Amino acid sequence: MSRLTQLVYVSRRKDHVTTDEVVDNIVLPAMRKNRRLDVTGCLWFGRQRFVQVLEGASATIDSLYTTILADDRHDRVTLVNVSPIDERDFARFALKHIDNDEIDEVRGLIDRFAPDDPTPARLPDDPLSGEDVSLIEAVVARLRALVT
């Protein structure tokens, strides 16, 4: 059995990307692909941002993230965390999507890891602090609560 990994990233949604495009051209194809690859997760999106949690075999998640980095429907992709997991938080969902701008935990994650200000609160190579880990866990828990 492959080791399970959870990856969390944030990115900036390009202005021309509509909600219909997110659902029809990102979420639905990703759901089909993720089922085939045994990947689960959640995509939160607001008017300007994406936050995604992906779970699956390490090599599969690495490959998907490389594809995500090349997608021109977003930019300023920031890897928040990659960590081994014992069980999936989104086991029931190939890709659950949440369209909502009003989640305080998500806003906190964006502000911490990918703020609009060009000088972020932390540098990408900085090790995660206990506060960072707590914030990531709170976001995953909040997203999980919204989909269950």
C-alpha atoms as a PDB file:
ATOM      1  CA  MET A   1       0.000   0.000   0.000  1.00  0.00           C
ATOM      2  CA  SER A   2       1.304   3.435  -0.947  1.00  0.00           C
ATOM      3  CA  ARG A   3       1.903   6.028   1.687  1.00  0.00           C
ATOM      4  CA  LEU A   4      -0.894   8.615   1.846  1.00  0.00           C
ATOM      5  CA  THR A   5      -0.042  12.284   1.508  1.00  0.00           C
ATOM      6  CA  GLN A   6      -2.090  15.418   1.994  1.00  0.00           C
ATOM      7  CA  LEU A   7      -1.123  18.542   0.059  1.00  0.00           C
ATOM      8  CA  VAL A   8      -2.583  22.019   0.650  1.00  0.00           C
ATOM      9  CA  TYR A   9      -2.001  25.000  -1.619  1.00  0.00           C
ATOM     10  CA  VAL A  10      -3.469  28.445  -2.225  1.00  0.00           C
ATOM     11  CA  SER A  11      -3.505  30.401  -5.470  1.00  0.00           C
ATOM     12  CA  ARG A  12      -4.967  33.490  -7.077  1.00  0.00           C
ATOM     13  CA  ARG A  13      -7.838  32.906  -9.474  1.00  0.00           C
ATOM     14  CA  LYS A  14      -7.410  34.766 -12.753  1.00  0.00           C
ATOM     15  CA  ASP A  15      -9.986  37.519 -13.361  1.00  0.00           C
ATOM     16  CA  HIS A  16     -11.377  35.923 -16.537  1.00  0.00           C
ATOM     17  CA  VAL A  17     -12.187  32.603 -14.830  1.00  0.00           C
ATOM     18  CA  THR A  18     -15.922  32.447 -14.139  1.00  0.00           C
ATOM     19  CA  THR A  19     -17.636  30.272 -11.552  1.00  0.00           C
ATOM     20  CA  ASP A  20     -19.153  28.223 -14.387  1.00  0.00           C
ATOM     21  CA  GLU A  21     -15.655  27.628 -15.770  1.00  0.00           C
ATOM     22  CA  VAL A  22     -14.403  26.554 -12.351  1.00  0.00           C
ATOM     23  CA  VAL A  23     -17.208  24.013 -12.020  1.00  0.00           C
ATOM     24  CA  ASP A  24     -17.443  22.824 -15.643  1.00  0.00           C
ATOM     25  CA  ASN A  25     -13.793  22.929 -16.684  1.00  0.00           C
ATOM     26  CA  ILE A  26     -11.902  22.366 -13.449  1.00  0.00           C
ATOM     27  CA  VAL A  27     -14.049  20.552 -10.884  1.00  0.00           C
ATOM     28  CA  LEU A  28     -15.959  18.081 -13.082  1.00  0.00           C
ATOM     29  CA  PRO A  29     -12.932  16.876 -15.107  1.00  0.00           C
ATOM     30  CA  ALA A  30     -10.842  16.695 -11.903  1.00  0.00           C
ATOM     31  CA  MET A  31     -13.495  14.558 -10.219  1.00  0.00           C
ATOM     32  CA  ARG A  32     -13.303  12.011 -13.042  1.00  0.00           C
ATOM     33  CA  LYS A  33      -9.501  12.032 -13.054  1.00  0.00           C
ATOM     34  CA  ASN A  34      -9.251  11.841  -9.263  1.00  0.00           C
ATOM     35  CA  ARG A  35     -11.567   8.811  -9.113  1.00  0.00           C
ATOM     36  CA  ARG A  36      -9.322   7.041 -11.612  1.00  0.00           C
ATOM     37  CA  LEU A  37      -6.193   7.981  -9.630  1.00  0.00           C
ATOM     38  CA  ASP A  38      -7.692   7.287  -6.174  1.00  0.00           C
ATOM     39  CA  VAL A  39      -7.271  10.915  -5.148  1.00  0.00           C
ATOM     40  CA  THR A  40      -9.643  12.703  -2.787  1.00  0.00           C
ATOM     41  CA  GLY A  41      -9.891  16.291  -1.697  1.00  0.00           C
ATOM     42  CA  CYS A  42     -11.636  19.616  -1.599  1.00  0.00           C
ATOM     43  CA  LEU A  43     -11.432  22.789  -3.669  1.00  0.00           C
ATOM     44  CA  TRP A  44     -12.595  26.003  -2.023  1.00  0.00           C
ATOM     45  CA  PHE A  45     -12.901  28.976  -4.311  1.00  0.00           C
ATOM     46  CA  GLY A  46     -13.882  32.560  -3.887  1.00  0.00           C
ATOM     47  CA  ARG A  47     -13.940  35.462  -6.316  1.00  0.00           C
ATOM     48  CA  GLN A  48     -10.156  35.788  -6.275  1.00  0.00           C
ATOM     49  CA  ARG A  49      -8.651  32.714  -4.649  1.00  0.00           C
ATOM     50  CA  PHE A  50      -8.438  28.953  -4.623  1.00  0.00           C
ATOM     51  CA  VAL A  51      -7.525  26.759  -1.671  1.00  0.00           C
ATOM     52  CA  GLN A  52      -7.184  23.079  -2.441  1.00  0.00           C
ATOM     53  CA  VAL A  53      -6.575  20.002  -0.328  1.00  0.00           C
ATOM     54  CA  LEU A  54      -5.481  16.860  -2.195  1.00  0.00           C
ATOM     55  CA  GLU A  55      -5.046  13.390  -0.667  1.00  0.00           C
ATOM     56  CA  GLY A  56      -3.611  10.241  -2.176  1.00  0.00           C
ATOM     57  CA  ALA A  57      -0.454   8.315  -2.917  1.00  0.00           C
ATOM     58  CA  SER A  58       2.624  10.541  -2.661  1.00  0.00           C
ATOM     59  CA  ALA A  59       3.785  10.081  -6.260  1.00  0.00           C
ATOM     60  CA  THR A  60       0.278  10.721  -7.591  1.00  0.00           C
ATOM     61  CA  ILE A  61      -0.117  13.906  -5.532  1.00  0.00           C
ATOM     62  CA  ASP A  62       3.308  15.145  -6.681  1.00  0.00           C
ATOM     63  CA  SER A  63       2.336  14.578 -10.310  1.00  0.00           C
ATOM     64  CA  LEU A  64      -1.023  16.308  -9.909  1.00  0.00           C
ATOM     65  CA  TYR A  65       0.601  19.292  -8.228  1.00  0.00           C
ATOM     66  CA  THR A  66       3.017  19.657 -11.144  1.00  0.00           C
ATOM     67  CA  THR A  67       0.010  19.775 -13.487  1.00  0.00           C
ATOM     68  CA  ILE A  68      -1.745  22.291 -11.229  1.00  0.00           C
ATOM     69  CA  LEU A  69       1.314  24.560 -11.278  1.00  0.00           C
ATOM     70  CA  ALA A  70       1.115  24.753 -15.086  1.00  0.00           C
ATOM     71  CA  ASP A  71      -2.604  25.628 -15.184  1.00  0.00           C
ATOM     72  CA  ASP A  72      -3.050  29.159 -16.526  1.00  0.00           C
ATOM     73  CA  ARG A  73      -6.423  29.725 -14.861  1.00  0.00           C
ATOM     74  CA  HIS A  74      -4.600  30.743 -11.701  1.00  0.00           C
ATOM     75  CA  ASP A  75      -1.266  32.179 -10.624  1.00  0.00           C
ATOM     76  CA  ARG A  76       0.736  32.838  -7.457  1.00  0.00           C
ATOM     77  CA  VAL A  77       0.401  29.200  -6.497  1.00  0.00           C
ATOM     78  CA  THR A  78       1.755  28.777  -2.976  1.00  0.00           C
ATOM     79  CA  LEU A  79       2.403  25.371  -1.486  1.00  0.00           C
ATOM     80  CA  VAL A  80       1.186  25.562   2.092  1.00  0.00           C
ATOM     81  CA  ASN A  81       1.891  22.063   3.329  1.00  0.00           C
ATOM     82  CA  VAL A  82       2.632  18.496   2.274  1.00  0.00           C
ATOM     83  CA  SER A  83       2.455  15.866   4.964  1.00  0.00           C
ATOM     84  CA  PRO A  84       1.926  12.144   5.421  1.00  0.00           C
ATOM     85  CA  ILE A  85      -1.511  11.175   6.697  1.00  0.00           C
ATOM     86  CA  ASP A  86      -2.915   7.997   8.207  1.00  0.00           C
ATOM     87  CA  GLU A  87      -6.423   8.560   6.897  1.00  0.00           C
ATOM     88  CA  ARG A  88      -8.138  10.864   4.459  1.00  0.00           C
ATOM     89  CA  ASP A  89     -10.129  13.888   5.577  1.00  0.00           C
ATOM     90  CA  PHE A  90     -12.170  13.893   2.352  1.00  0.00           C
ATOM     91  CA  ALA A  91     -12.446  10.144   1.734  1.00  0.00           C
ATOM     92  CA  ARG A  92     -15.973  10.421   0.339  1.00  0.00           C
ATOM     93  CA  PHE A  93     -15.074  12.985  -2.323  1.00  0.00           C
ATOM     94  CA  ALA A  94     -12.988  12.706  -5.482  1.00  0.00           C
ATOM     95  CA  LEU A  95     -13.129  16.511  -5.387  1.00  0.00           C
ATOM     96  CA  LYS A  96     -15.679  18.355  -3.312  1.00  0.00           C
ATOM     97  CA  HIS A  97     -16.011  22.001  -4.266  1.00  0.00           C
ATOM     98  CA  ILE A  98     -17.051  24.863  -2.032  1.00  0.00           C
ATOM     99  CA  ASP A  99     -17.898  28.254  -3.549  1.00  0.00           C
ATOM    100  CA  ASN A 100     -17.772  30.685  -0.650  1.00  0.00           C
ATOM    101  CA  ASP A 101     -15.886  33.860   0.235  1.00  0.00           C
ATOM    102  CA  GLU A 102     -16.908  33.952   3.877  1.00  0.00           C
ATOM    103  CA  ILE A 103     -14.830  31.413   5.769  1.00  0.00           C
ATOM    104  CA  ASP A 104     -12.630  33.036   8.398  1.00  0.00           C
ATOM    105  CA  GLU A 105     -10.224  30.091   8.606  1.00  0.00           C
ATOM    106  CA  VAL A 106      -9.623  30.176   4.840  1.00  0.00           C
ATOM    107  CA  ARG A 107      -9.100  33.932   4.893  1.00  0.00           C
ATOM    108  CA  GLY A 108      -6.551  33.455   7.692  1.00  0.00           C
ATOM    109  CA  LEU A 109      -4.695  30.844   5.640  1.00  0.00           C
ATOM    110  CA  ILE A 110      -4.608  33.091   2.578  1.00  0.00           C
ATOM    111  CA  ASP A 111      -3.455  36.071   4.622  1.00  0.00           C
ATOM    112  CA  ARG A 112      -0.691  34.008   6.218  1.00  0.00           C
ATOM    113  CA  PHE A 113       0.624  32.126   3.177  1.00  0.00           C
ATOM    114  CA  ALA A 114      -0.380  34.139   0.098  1.00  0.00           C
ATOM    115  CA  PRO A 115      -1.425  37.682   0.997  1.00  0.00           C
ATOM    116  CA  ASP A 116      -2.188  40.312  -1.616  1.00  0.00           C
ATOM    117  CA  ASP A 117       0.646  42.386  -0.125  1.00  0.00           C
ATOM    118  CA  PRO A 118       3.855  41.523  -2.003  1.00  0.00           C
ATOM    119  CA  THR A 119       5.710  41.013   1.286  1.00  0.00           C
ATOM    120  CA  PRO A 120       4.196  37.874   2.827  1.00  0.00           C
ATOM    121  CA  ALA A 121       4.178  37.200   6.549  1.00  0.00           C
ATOM    122  CA  ARG A 122       6.390  34.200   5.919  1.00  0.00           C
ATOM    123  CA  LEU A 123       8.774  33.135   3.193  1.00  0.00           C
ATOM    124  CA  PRO A 124       7.981  29.972   1.214  1.00  0.00           C
ATOM    125  CA  ASP A 125      10.993  28.091   2.593  1.00  0.00           C
ATOM    126  CA  ASP A 126      10.359  29.037   6.218  1.00  0.00           C
ATOM    127  CA  PRO A 127       9.593  25.996   8.366  1.00  0.00           C
ATOM    128  CA  LEU A 128       6.019  25.743   9.577  1.00  0.00           C
ATOM    129  CA  SER A 129       5.475  27.096  13.060  1.00  0.00           C
ATOM    130  CA  GLY A 130       3.063  25.575  15.539  1.00  0.00           C
ATOM    131  CA  GLU A 131       0.696  28.430  14.686  1.00  0.00           C
ATOM    132  CA  ASP A 132       0.968  27.593  10.965  1.00  0.00           C
ATOM    133  CA  VAL A 133       0.200  23.927  11.603  1.00  0.00           C
ATOM    134  CA  SER A 134      -2.779  24.856  13.774  1.00  0.00           C
ATOM    135  CA  LEU A 135      -4.092  27.163  11.059  1.00  0.00           C
ATOM    136  CA  ILE A 136      -3.761  24.481   8.374  1.00  0.00           C
ATOM    137  CA  GLU A 137      -5.513  21.952  10.610  1.00  0.00           C
ATOM    138  CA  ALA A 138      -8.304  24.453  11.313  1.00  0.00           C
ATOM    139  CA  VAL A 139      -8.851  25.078   7.596  1.00  0.00           C
ATOM    140  CA  VAL A 140      -8.959  21.368   6.770  1.00  0.00           C
ATOM    141  CA  ALA A 141     -11.335  20.740   9.685  1.00  0.00           C
ATOM    142  CA  ARG A 142     -13.600  23.631   8.630  1.00  0.00           C
ATOM    143  CA  LEU A 143     -13.720  22.468   5.009  1.00  0.00           C
ATOM    144  CA  ARG A 144     -14.380  18.905   6.136  1.00  0.00           C
ATOM    145  CA  ALA A 145     -17.234  20.153   8.347  1.00  0.00           C
ATOM    146  CA  LEU A 146     -18.772  22.005   5.411  1.00  0.00           C
ATOM    147  CA  VAL A 147     -18.898  18.880   3.256  1.00  0.00           C
ATOM    148  CA  THR A 148     -20.098  16.311   5.777  1.00  0.00           C
END
